[in-house]
């Protein structure tokens, strides 16, 4: 196999070759010979299956495997020719050309490598700021919030429904006298005053007595998600079955174990310390997000220069394009699907932002290494549990959902970045 490869800069290389028909054939035969030692086919003794029979039966799969092996050999040789190693490769090579003719395949790829990032002098770029403070009242409020989320709903004896109560009720909605899909439920539980339903609905339930039925007249917001209901007047027929309330649990040992499931000896003081750290981190995170990080990022991107892997930049452009897809008109989306030039012109608009974003990612990655920033598994778990309590959902189910969606690595990366900037700016505050 003849391979031509050259670096276009310190982290990108282009490589070309031709996977010749006879090379592919020879590779197919070698793979068939290897398979013949183990494959079992009726009518043939083990290890005695003819190569021709293997090729006849599994020719298509062998062709694909042969091409795959030759392609991988091509990539490895290309990397060697530009004095890099396979470990230097970042992400999959971009295939620029893969043309098959007369059994031969002309291949051209772009291989990208992890850049070497020198962040010497980054400390000078950290902006000055006032360190966030945490008040005792904020800690108490957060504990009350968590306890409220843990509180089970119980039936209460009341004359009528009030704001702040939980209503267990049936409802069915009608527009122009006709019931509509998704507008009916039985035994639904709603906190009155939570704003979960459309404006006017929850206020219309106030004063209901258990067993009482009532028609509630409302109007769907003009920007309502379901277009066929947006701006429409509706009537909801409701029947209240039960008034419920929350009995806030005490901050005892059992409750502390629920809030701090991974602590062997959870205490109220430990919880206060954890919450204080969390509130401080949230305040710092907001300060970092709104002010410090943008200022630092802008300065860092301007100060540090290094070549960027093109395939990562292209991936970032693709992501930004996808994220903006729904903001385009139907005509624009159709044009992008049918006109490659229009598509590339639109993608080009994201290139500068993508370059800065990718550059900053590598700077942050290097900063985390330099400052020894790591995230332990129990920190990830604790973060997900606290989030579950904020949303009032079961922590274990919340964790399982994150695992099923493959989101644990994303949580870890977010925590690393959060921890990095917290460390970065905390040290800045300490050194004032």
Protein backbone atom coordinates (compact mmCIF):
# COMPACT_ATOMS: atom_id res chain seq x y z
CA UNK A 1 0.00 0.00 0.00
CA UNK A 2 1.42 3.36 -1.05
CA UNK A 3 0.58 6.10 1.46
CA UNK A 4 1.18 9.83 1.17
CA UNK A 5 0.75 11.91 4.32
CA UNK A 6 1.78 15.40 5.36
CA UNK A 7 1.10 17.78 8.22
CA UNK A 8 -0.85 20.91 7.32
CA UNK A 9 -0.01 22.36 10.74
CA UNK A 10 1.10 20.95 14.09
CA UNK A 11 -2.16 19.07 14.77
CA UNK A 12 -3.70 18.30 11.38
CA UNK A 13 -2.55 16.06 8.56
CA UNK A 14 -3.95 14.97 5.22
CA UNK A 15 -3.30 11.51 3.86
CA UNK A 16 -4.12 9.70 0.64
CA UNK A 17 -3.90 6.17 -0.65
CA UNK A 18 -5.53 3.74 -3.00
CA UNK A 19 -6.87 0.50 -1.63
CA UNK A 20 -6.13 -1.67 -4.64
CA UNK A 21 -8.43 -4.46 -5.72
CA UNK A 22 -5.68 -7.08 -5.50
CA UNK A 23 -4.75 -5.93 -1.97
CA UNK A 24 -8.37 -6.26 -0.90
CA UNK A 25 -8.54 -9.71 -2.53
CA UNK A 26 -5.39 -10.86 -0.76
CA UNK A 27 -6.72 -9.58 2.56
CA UNK A 28 -10.05 -11.37 1.98
CA UNK A 29 -8.17 -14.63 1.35
CA UNK A 30 -6.07 -14.23 4.50
CA UNK A 31 -9.17 -13.55 6.58
CA UNK A 32 -10.91 -16.54 4.98
CA UNK A 33 -7.92 -18.77 5.76
CA UNK A 34 -7.96 -17.62 9.36
CA UNK A 35 -11.71 -18.23 9.62
CA UNK A 36 -11.41 -21.69 8.09
CA UNK A 37 -9.61 -22.90 11.22
CA UNK A 38 -12.60 -22.24 13.45
CA UNK A 39 -15.75 -21.97 11.34
CA UNK A 40 -18.20 -24.87 11.34
CA UNK A 41 -20.10 -25.72 8.15
CA UNK A 42 -22.23 -28.81 7.69
CA UNK A 43 -20.55 -31.36 5.43
CA UNK A 44 -17.02 -30.32 6.33
CA UNK A 45 -14.75 -31.48 9.12
CA UNK A 46 -13.71 -28.82 11.67
CA UNK A 47 -10.67 -26.95 10.37
CA UNK A 48 -11.03 -28.46 6.90
CA UNK A 49 -13.49 -26.03 5.31
CA UNK A 50 -12.07 -24.88 1.93
CA UNK A 51 -11.19 -21.19 1.68
CA UNK A 52 -13.30 -20.94 -1.48
CA UNK A 53 -16.33 -22.13 0.48
CA UNK A 54 -15.71 -19.55 3.21
CA UNK A 55 -15.46 -16.78 0.59
CA UNK A 56 -18.58 -18.05 -1.18
CA UNK A 57 -20.65 -17.97 1.99
CA UNK A 58 -19.21 -14.93 3.76
CA UNK A 59 -17.74 -12.93 0.90
CA UNK A 60 -19.58 -9.66 1.63
CA UNK A 61 -18.64 -9.65 5.31
CA UNK A 62 -15.05 -10.59 4.46
CA UNK A 63 -14.89 -7.73 1.93
CA UNK A 64 -16.03 -5.25 4.58
CA UNK A 65 -13.58 -6.65 7.13
CA UNK A 66 -10.74 -6.55 4.60
CA UNK A 67 -11.47 -2.93 3.68
CA UNK A 68 -11.69 -2.04 7.36
CA UNK A 69 -8.32 -3.61 8.16
CA UNK A 70 -6.63 -1.97 5.18
CA UNK A 71 -8.17 1.39 6.11
CA UNK A 72 -6.87 1.06 9.68
CA UNK A 73 -3.43 0.12 8.35
CA UNK A 74 -3.57 3.20 6.14
CA UNK A 75 -4.39 5.45 9.12
CA UNK A 76 -1.60 3.94 11.24
CA UNK A 77 0.95 4.34 8.45
CA UNK A 78 -0.18 7.93 7.84
CA UNK A 79 0.29 8.72 11.52
CA UNK A 80 3.77 7.18 11.47
CA UNK A 81 4.76 9.18 8.39
CA UNK A 82 3.98 12.48 10.13
CA UNK A 83 5.91 11.43 13.25
CA UNK A 84 2.86 11.07 15.46
CA UNK A 85 1.43 8.10 17.38
CA UNK A 86 -2.03 6.57 17.45
CA UNK A 87 -2.37 7.89 21.01
CA UNK A 88 -2.08 11.44 19.65
CA UNK A 89 -5.19 11.06 17.47
CA UNK A 90 -8.23 12.96 18.68
CA UNK A 91 -11.62 11.79 17.42
CA UNK A 92 -12.15 9.86 14.20
CA UNK A 93 -10.34 11.00 11.02
CA UNK A 94 -12.52 12.96 8.60
CA UNK A 95 -13.03 11.13 5.33
CA UNK A 96 -12.65 13.68 2.53
CA UNK A 97 -12.77 11.19 -0.32
CA UNK A 98 -13.78 7.54 -0.68
CA UNK A 99 -14.24 6.81 -4.39
CA UNK A 100 -14.54 3.25 -5.66
CA UNK A 101 -13.78 2.44 -9.29
CA UNK A 102 -12.93 -0.90 -10.91
CA UNK A 103 -12.49 -2.47 -7.47
CA UNK A 104 -9.93 0.14 -6.40
CA UNK A 105 -10.80 2.70 -3.71
CA UNK A 106 -9.22 6.16 -3.67
CA UNK A 107 -9.15 7.45 -0.10
CA UNK A 108 -8.31 10.86 1.32
CA UNK A 109 -8.62 11.68 5.00
CA UNK A 110 -7.81 14.44 7.43
CA UNK A 111 -6.34 13.23 10.72
CA UNK A 112 -6.35 15.51 13.74
CA UNK A 113 -4.20 15.26 16.84
CA UNK A 114 -4.43 16.58 20.36
CA UNK A 115 -2.69 19.96 20.57
CA UNK A 116 0.05 20.88 22.99
CA UNK A 117 -1.26 23.79 25.05
CA UNK A 118 1.05 26.15 26.92
CA UNK A 119 -0.91 28.28 29.42
CA UNK A 120 2.06 29.93 31.08
CA UNK A 121 0.95 33.23 32.61
CA UNK A 122 -2.75 32.38 32.88
CA UNK A 123 -2.83 33.73 36.48
CA UNK A 124 -2.47 37.25 35.12
CA UNK A 125 -5.77 36.88 33.28
CA UNK A 126 -7.93 36.11 36.34
CA UNK A 127 -10.15 39.15 36.98
CA UNK A 128 -10.54 40.63 40.47
CA UNK A 129 -13.85 40.18 42.32
CA UNK A 130 -15.53 40.11 45.72
CA UNK A 131 -15.84 36.60 47.18
CA UNK A 132 -19.50 35.50 47.68
CA UNK A 133 -20.78 35.30 51.27
CA UNK A 134 -23.40 32.91 52.65
CA UNK A 135 -25.89 34.00 55.33
CA UNK A 136 -27.34 31.67 57.98
CA UNK A 137 -30.82 32.61 56.77
CA UNK A 138 -29.95 31.28 53.31
CA UNK A 139 -28.83 27.94 54.76
CA UNK A 140 -32.00 27.67 56.84
CA UNK A 141 -34.15 28.49 53.82
CA UNK A 142 -32.43 25.80 51.76
CA UNK A 143 -32.93 23.21 54.51
CA UNK A 144 -36.61 24.17 54.72
CA UNK A 145 -36.86 23.77 50.95
CA UNK A 146 -35.34 20.28 51.06
CA UNK A 147 -37.55 19.23 53.98
CA UNK A 148 -40.60 20.51 52.13
CA UNK A 149 -39.65 18.43 49.09
CA UNK A 150 -39.28 15.36 51.29
CA UNK A 151 -42.61 15.94 52.99
CA UNK A 152 -45.26 13.37 52.01
CA UNK A 153 -48.73 14.48 50.94
CA UNK A 154 -51.53 13.66 53.39
CA UNK A 155 -55.26 14.16 53.38
CA UNK A 156 -56.38 17.16 55.41
CA UNK A 157 -59.82 18.06 56.68
CA UNK A 158 -60.67 21.58 55.46
CA UNK A 159 -63.85 23.41 54.53
CA UNK A 160 -62.54 24.52 51.14
CA UNK A 161 -59.49 24.63 48.90
CA UNK A 162 -56.99 27.43 49.46
CA UNK A 163 -53.83 28.63 47.80
CA UNK A 164 -50.94 26.42 48.90
CA UNK A 165 -53.13 23.33 49.27
CA UNK A 166 -52.77 20.26 47.08
CA UNK A 167 -55.92 19.27 45.22
CA UNK A 168 -56.71 15.72 44.14
CA UNK A 169 -59.31 16.10 41.42
CA UNK A 170 -60.70 15.06 38.03
CA UNK A 171 -60.84 17.42 35.09
CA UNK A 172 -61.82 17.52 31.46
CA UNK A 173 -61.34 20.43 29.06
CA UNK A 174 -63.59 21.56 26.23
CA UNK A 175 -63.02 24.02 23.38
CA UNK A 176 -66.11 25.10 21.42
CA UNK A 177 -68.02 22.41 23.29
CA UNK A 178 -65.70 19.62 22.14
CA UNK A 179 -63.32 17.68 24.38
CA UNK A 180 -59.70 17.89 23.23
CA UNK A 181 -56.86 15.39 23.41
CA UNK A 182 -54.73 15.61 26.55
CA UNK A 183 -57.33 17.71 28.34
CA UNK A 184 -58.60 15.00 30.69
CA UNK A 185 -57.29 13.34 33.84
CA UNK A 186 -58.59 11.54 36.91
CA UNK A 187 -57.11 11.68 40.39
CA UNK A 188 -54.68 14.41 39.34
CA UNK A 189 -52.76 16.12 42.18
CA UNK A 190 -51.93 19.82 41.80
CA UNK A 191 -50.48 22.40 44.16
CA UNK A 192 -52.78 25.41 44.00
CA UNK A 193 -50.74 28.51 43.28
CA UNK A 194 -47.79 26.64 41.76
CA UNK A 195 -48.52 28.02 38.29
CA UNK A 196 -48.30 24.60 36.66
CA UNK A 197 -51.59 25.02 34.79
CA UNK A 198 -52.59 27.78 32.38
CA UNK A 199 -53.37 31.20 33.89
CA UNK A 200 -56.71 31.35 35.68
CA UNK A 201 -57.14 27.60 36.20
CA UNK A 202 -55.70 27.33 39.70
CA UNK A 203 -57.35 30.57 40.86
CA UNK A 204 -60.63 29.18 39.58
CA UNK A 205 -60.29 26.15 41.88
CA UNK A 206 -59.89 28.20 45.07
CA UNK A 207 -62.92 27.78 47.33
CA UNK A 208 -63.91 24.34 46.04
CA UNK A 209 -65.28 21.93 48.64
CA UNK A 210 -64.57 18.19 48.64
CA UNK A 211 -67.05 16.49 46.31
CA UNK A 212 -67.98 19.77 44.63
CA UNK A 213 -67.98 20.17 40.84
CA UNK A 214 -67.28 23.41 39.00
CA UNK A 215 -66.75 24.80 35.48
CA UNK A 216 -63.62 26.90 35.13
CA UNK A 217 -63.40 29.28 32.17
CA UNK A 218 -59.90 30.04 30.93
CA UNK A 219 -58.08 31.12 27.76
CA UNK A 220 -55.00 29.34 26.49
CA UNK A 221 -52.00 31.69 26.08
CA UNK A 222 -51.35 32.87 22.52
CA UNK A 223 -47.87 31.27 22.69
CA UNK A 224 -49.19 27.92 24.00
CA UNK A 225 -47.20 24.94 22.72
CA UNK A 226 -50.16 23.18 21.08
CA UNK A 227 -51.02 25.39 18.09
CA UNK A 228 -54.62 24.13 17.85
CA UNK A 229 -55.28 25.38 21.41
CA UNK A 230 -53.22 28.60 21.42
CA UNK A 231 -55.40 31.62 22.16
CA UNK A 232 -58.58 29.53 22.42
CA UNK A 233 -61.22 29.96 25.14
CA UNK A 234 -61.81 26.74 27.07
CA UNK A 235 -64.04 25.34 29.79
CA UNK A 236 -62.66 22.82 32.27
CA UNK A 237 -65.12 20.71 34.23
CA UNK A 238 -63.51 19.79 37.55
CA UNK A 239 -64.50 17.70 40.56
CA UNK A 240 -62.53 17.91 43.81
CA UNK A 241 -62.00 14.57 45.57
CA UNK A 242 -59.57 15.44 48.32
CA UNK A 243 -57.61 18.32 49.84
CA UNK A 244 -54.05 17.38 50.73
CA UNK A 245 -51.21 19.05 52.58
CA UNK A 246 -47.61 18.41 53.45
CA UNK A 247 -46.39 17.46 56.89
CA UNK A 248 -42.83 18.72 56.98
CA UNK A 249 -40.52 16.10 58.53
CA UNK A 250 -38.19 16.88 61.39
CA UNK A 251 -34.48 17.08 60.74
CA UNK A 252 -33.82 13.85 62.63
CA UNK A 253 -31.35 11.06 61.97
CA UNK A 254 -33.63 9.26 59.52
CA UNK A 255 -34.21 12.43 57.49
CA UNK A 256 -30.51 13.28 57.48
CA UNK A 257 -29.73 9.85 56.04
CA UNK A 258 -32.17 10.50 53.20
CA UNK A 259 -30.59 13.85 52.41
CA UNK A 260 -27.00 12.61 52.81
CA UNK A 261 -27.27 8.97 51.67
CA UNK A 262 -23.53 8.38 51.31
CA UNK A 263 -22.48 9.70 54.70
CA UNK A 264 -21.88 7.14 57.44
CA UNK A 265 -22.72 9.55 60.27
CA UNK A 266 -24.75 12.45 58.85
CA UNK A 267 -25.34 15.38 61.19
CA UNK A 268 -27.22 18.67 61.03
CA UNK A 269 -23.86 20.49 61.16
CA UNK A 270 -22.54 18.46 58.24
CA UNK A 271 -25.69 19.23 56.26
CA UNK A 272 -25.35 22.95 57.02
CA UNK A 273 -21.73 22.85 55.91
CA UNK A 274 -22.63 21.02 52.72
CA UNK A 275 -25.46 23.44 51.95
CA UNK A 276 -23.27 26.43 52.77
CA UNK A 277 -20.67 25.11 50.35
CA UNK A 278 -23.39 24.50 47.77
CA UNK A 279 -24.88 28.00 48.10
CA UNK A 280 -21.45 29.58 47.95
CA UNK A 281 -20.62 27.46 44.91
CA UNK A 282 -23.92 28.48 43.28
CA UNK A 283 -23.22 32.16 43.91
CA UNK A 284 -19.70 31.82 42.63
CA UNK A 285 -20.98 29.82 39.67
CA UNK A 286 -23.39 32.63 38.79
CA UNK A 287 -20.65 35.21 39.17
CA UNK A 288 -18.35 33.04 37.08
CA UNK A 289 -21.02 32.41 34.44
CA UNK A 290 -22.21 36.00 34.17
CA UNK A 291 -18.96 37.88 34.54
CA UNK A 292 -15.71 36.20 35.52
CA UNK A 293 -15.61 33.30 33.07
CA UNK A 294 -16.55 35.39 29.99
CA UNK A 295 -13.86 37.92 30.88
CA UNK A 296 -11.27 35.24 31.60
CA UNK A 297 -12.23 33.23 28.52
CA UNK A 298 -11.96 36.24 26.23
CA UNK A 299 -8.54 37.12 27.62
CA UNK A 300 -7.30 33.50 27.48
CA UNK A 301 -8.43 32.94 23.91
CA UNK A 302 -6.67 36.14 22.88
CA UNK A 303 -3.47 35.39 24.82
CA UNK A 304 -2.79 31.72 24.03
CA UNK A 305 -2.08 30.57 20.49
CA UNK A 306 -2.02 26.95 19.29
CA UNK A 307 -3.30 24.98 16.33
CA UNK A 308 -6.75 23.42 16.67
CA UNK A 309 -7.83 19.96 15.45
CA UNK A 310 -10.07 20.59 12.44
CA UNK A 311 -12.37 17.65 13.09
CA UNK A 312 -13.26 18.95 16.56
CA UNK A 313 -13.93 22.40 15.10
CA UNK A 314 -16.19 20.88 12.46
CA UNK A 315 -18.07 18.92 15.13
CA UNK A 316 -18.61 22.13 17.10
CA UNK A 317 -19.91 23.90 13.98
CA UNK A 318 -22.29 21.00 13.35
CA UNK A 319 -23.56 21.18 16.92
CA UNK A 320 -24.16 24.93 16.75
CA UNK A 321 -25.94 24.49 13.43
CA UNK A 322 -28.20 21.76 14.87
CA UNK A 323 -28.95 23.85 17.95
CA UNK A 324 -30.15 26.67 15.71
CA UNK A 325 -32.11 24.47 13.29
CA UNK A 326 -35.57 25.31 14.67
CA UNK A 327 -34.85 29.04 14.49
CA UNK A 328 -34.75 28.86 10.69
CA UNK A 329 -37.86 29.31 8.57
CA UNK A 330 -39.33 26.40 6.61
CA UNK A 331 -37.95 27.94 3.44
CA UNK A 332 -34.45 28.21 4.92
CA UNK A 333 -34.48 24.63 6.19
CA UNK A 334 -35.58 23.40 2.77
CA UNK A 335 -32.83 25.42 1.10
CA UNK A 336 -30.16 23.99 3.43
CA UNK A 337 -31.36 20.46 2.64
CA UNK A 338 -31.31 21.00 -1.13
CA UNK A 339 -28.47 23.48 -1.70
CA UNK A 340 -25.00 22.46 -0.40
CA UNK A 341 -23.61 25.95 -1.03
CA UNK A 342 -26.33 27.56 1.10
CA UNK A 343 -25.66 24.99 3.83
CA UNK A 344 -21.92 25.69 3.85
CA UNK A 345 -22.53 29.46 3.83
CA UNK A 346 -24.68 29.12 6.95
CA UNK A 347 -22.19 26.80 8.66
CA UNK A 348 -19.44 29.32 7.95
CA UNK A 349 -21.27 31.85 10.13
CA UNK A 350 -20.58 29.66 13.16
CA UNK A 351 -16.89 29.10 12.47
CA UNK A 352 -15.44 31.95 14.55
CA UNK A 353 -17.55 31.05 17.58
CA UNK A 354 -16.67 27.37 17.10
CA UNK A 355 -12.95 28.14 16.92
CA UNK A 356 -13.10 30.15 20.15
CA UNK A 357 -15.22 27.49 21.88
CA UNK A 358 -12.88 24.64 20.94
CA UNK A 359 -9.83 26.68 21.85
CA UNK A 360 -11.31 27.49 25.26
CA UNK A 361 -12.14 23.80 25.83
CA UNK A 362 -8.49 22.83 25.41
CA UNK A 363 -7.38 25.70 27.63
CA UNK A 364 -9.79 24.59 30.37
CA UNK A 365 -8.67 20.97 29.97
CA UNK A 366 -5.03 22.03 30.44
CA UNK A 367 -5.94 24.25 33.39
CA UNK A 368 -7.67 21.32 35.10
CA UNK A 369 -4.51 19.22 34.70
CA UNK A 370 -2.22 21.99 35.94
CA UNK A 371 -4.40 22.65 38.99
CA UNK A 372 -5.06 18.92 39.68
CA UNK A 373 -8.83 19.23 39.40
CA UNK A 374 -10.63 15.90 39.79
CA UNK A 375 -14.20 14.85 40.49
CA UNK A 376 -14.99 11.77 42.60
CA UNK A 377 -17.97 9.49 41.96
CA UNK A 378 -19.65 10.47 45.24
CA UNK A 379 -19.55 14.14 44.18
CA UNK A 380 -21.41 13.26 40.98
CA UNK A 381 -23.95 11.26 42.98
CA UNK A 382 -24.45 14.06 45.50
CA UNK A 383 -25.01 16.60 42.73
CA UNK A 384 -27.66 14.45 41.08
CA UNK A 385 -29.38 13.80 44.42
CA UNK A 386 -29.53 17.50 45.30
CA UNK A 387 -30.95 18.21 41.85
CA UNK A 388 -33.61 15.56 42.43
CA UNK A 389 -34.65 17.17 45.71
CA UNK A 390 -34.90 20.57 44.01
CA UNK A 391 -37.26 19.16 41.39
CA UNK A 392 -39.17 17.05 43.90
CA UNK A 393 -38.41 13.72 42.20
CA UNK A 394 -37.12 10.42 43.53
CA UNK A 395 -33.29 10.65 43.73
CA UNK A 396 -32.66 7.01 42.77
CA UNK A 397 -34.94 7.25 39.74
CA UNK A 398 -33.28 10.55 38.79
CA UNK A 399 -29.87 8.88 38.93
CA UNK A 400 -31.08 5.94 36.84
CA UNK A 401 -32.43 8.33 34.20
CA UNK A 402 -29.04 10.02 33.98
CA UNK A 403 -27.37 6.63 33.52
CA UNK A 404 -29.84 5.49 30.85
CA UNK A 405 -29.34 8.71 28.89
CA UNK A 406 -25.54 8.43 29.15
CA UNK A 407 -25.38 11.81 30.86
CA UNK A 408 -23.03 10.93 33.73
CA UNK A 409 -19.88 11.97 31.76
CA UNK A 410 -21.53 15.31 30.94
CA UNK A 411 -22.29 15.87 34.63
CA UNK A 412 -18.66 15.04 35.46
CA UNK A 413 -17.33 17.47 32.85
CA UNK A 414 -19.63 20.23 34.11
CA UNK A 415 -18.46 19.60 37.67
CA UNK A 416 -14.80 19.68 36.60
CA UNK A 417 -15.32 23.03 34.92
CA UNK A 418 -17.31 24.34 37.89
CA UNK A 419 -14.67 23.08 40.30
CA UNK A 420 -11.86 24.50 38.18
CA UNK A 421 -13.25 28.01 38.11
CA UNK A 422 -14.24 27.81 41.75
CA UNK A 423 -10.66 26.85 42.58
CA UNK A 424 -9.29 29.45 40.20
CA UNK A 425 -11.26 32.32 41.65
CA UNK A 426 -11.18 31.14 45.27
CA UNK A 427 -7.39 31.18 45.13
CA UNK A 428 -7.59 34.64 43.62
CA UNK A 429 -9.74 35.79 46.55
CA UNK A 430 -7.41 34.18 49.11
CA UNK A 431 -4.39 35.92 47.62
CA UNK A 432 -5.89 39.38 47.82
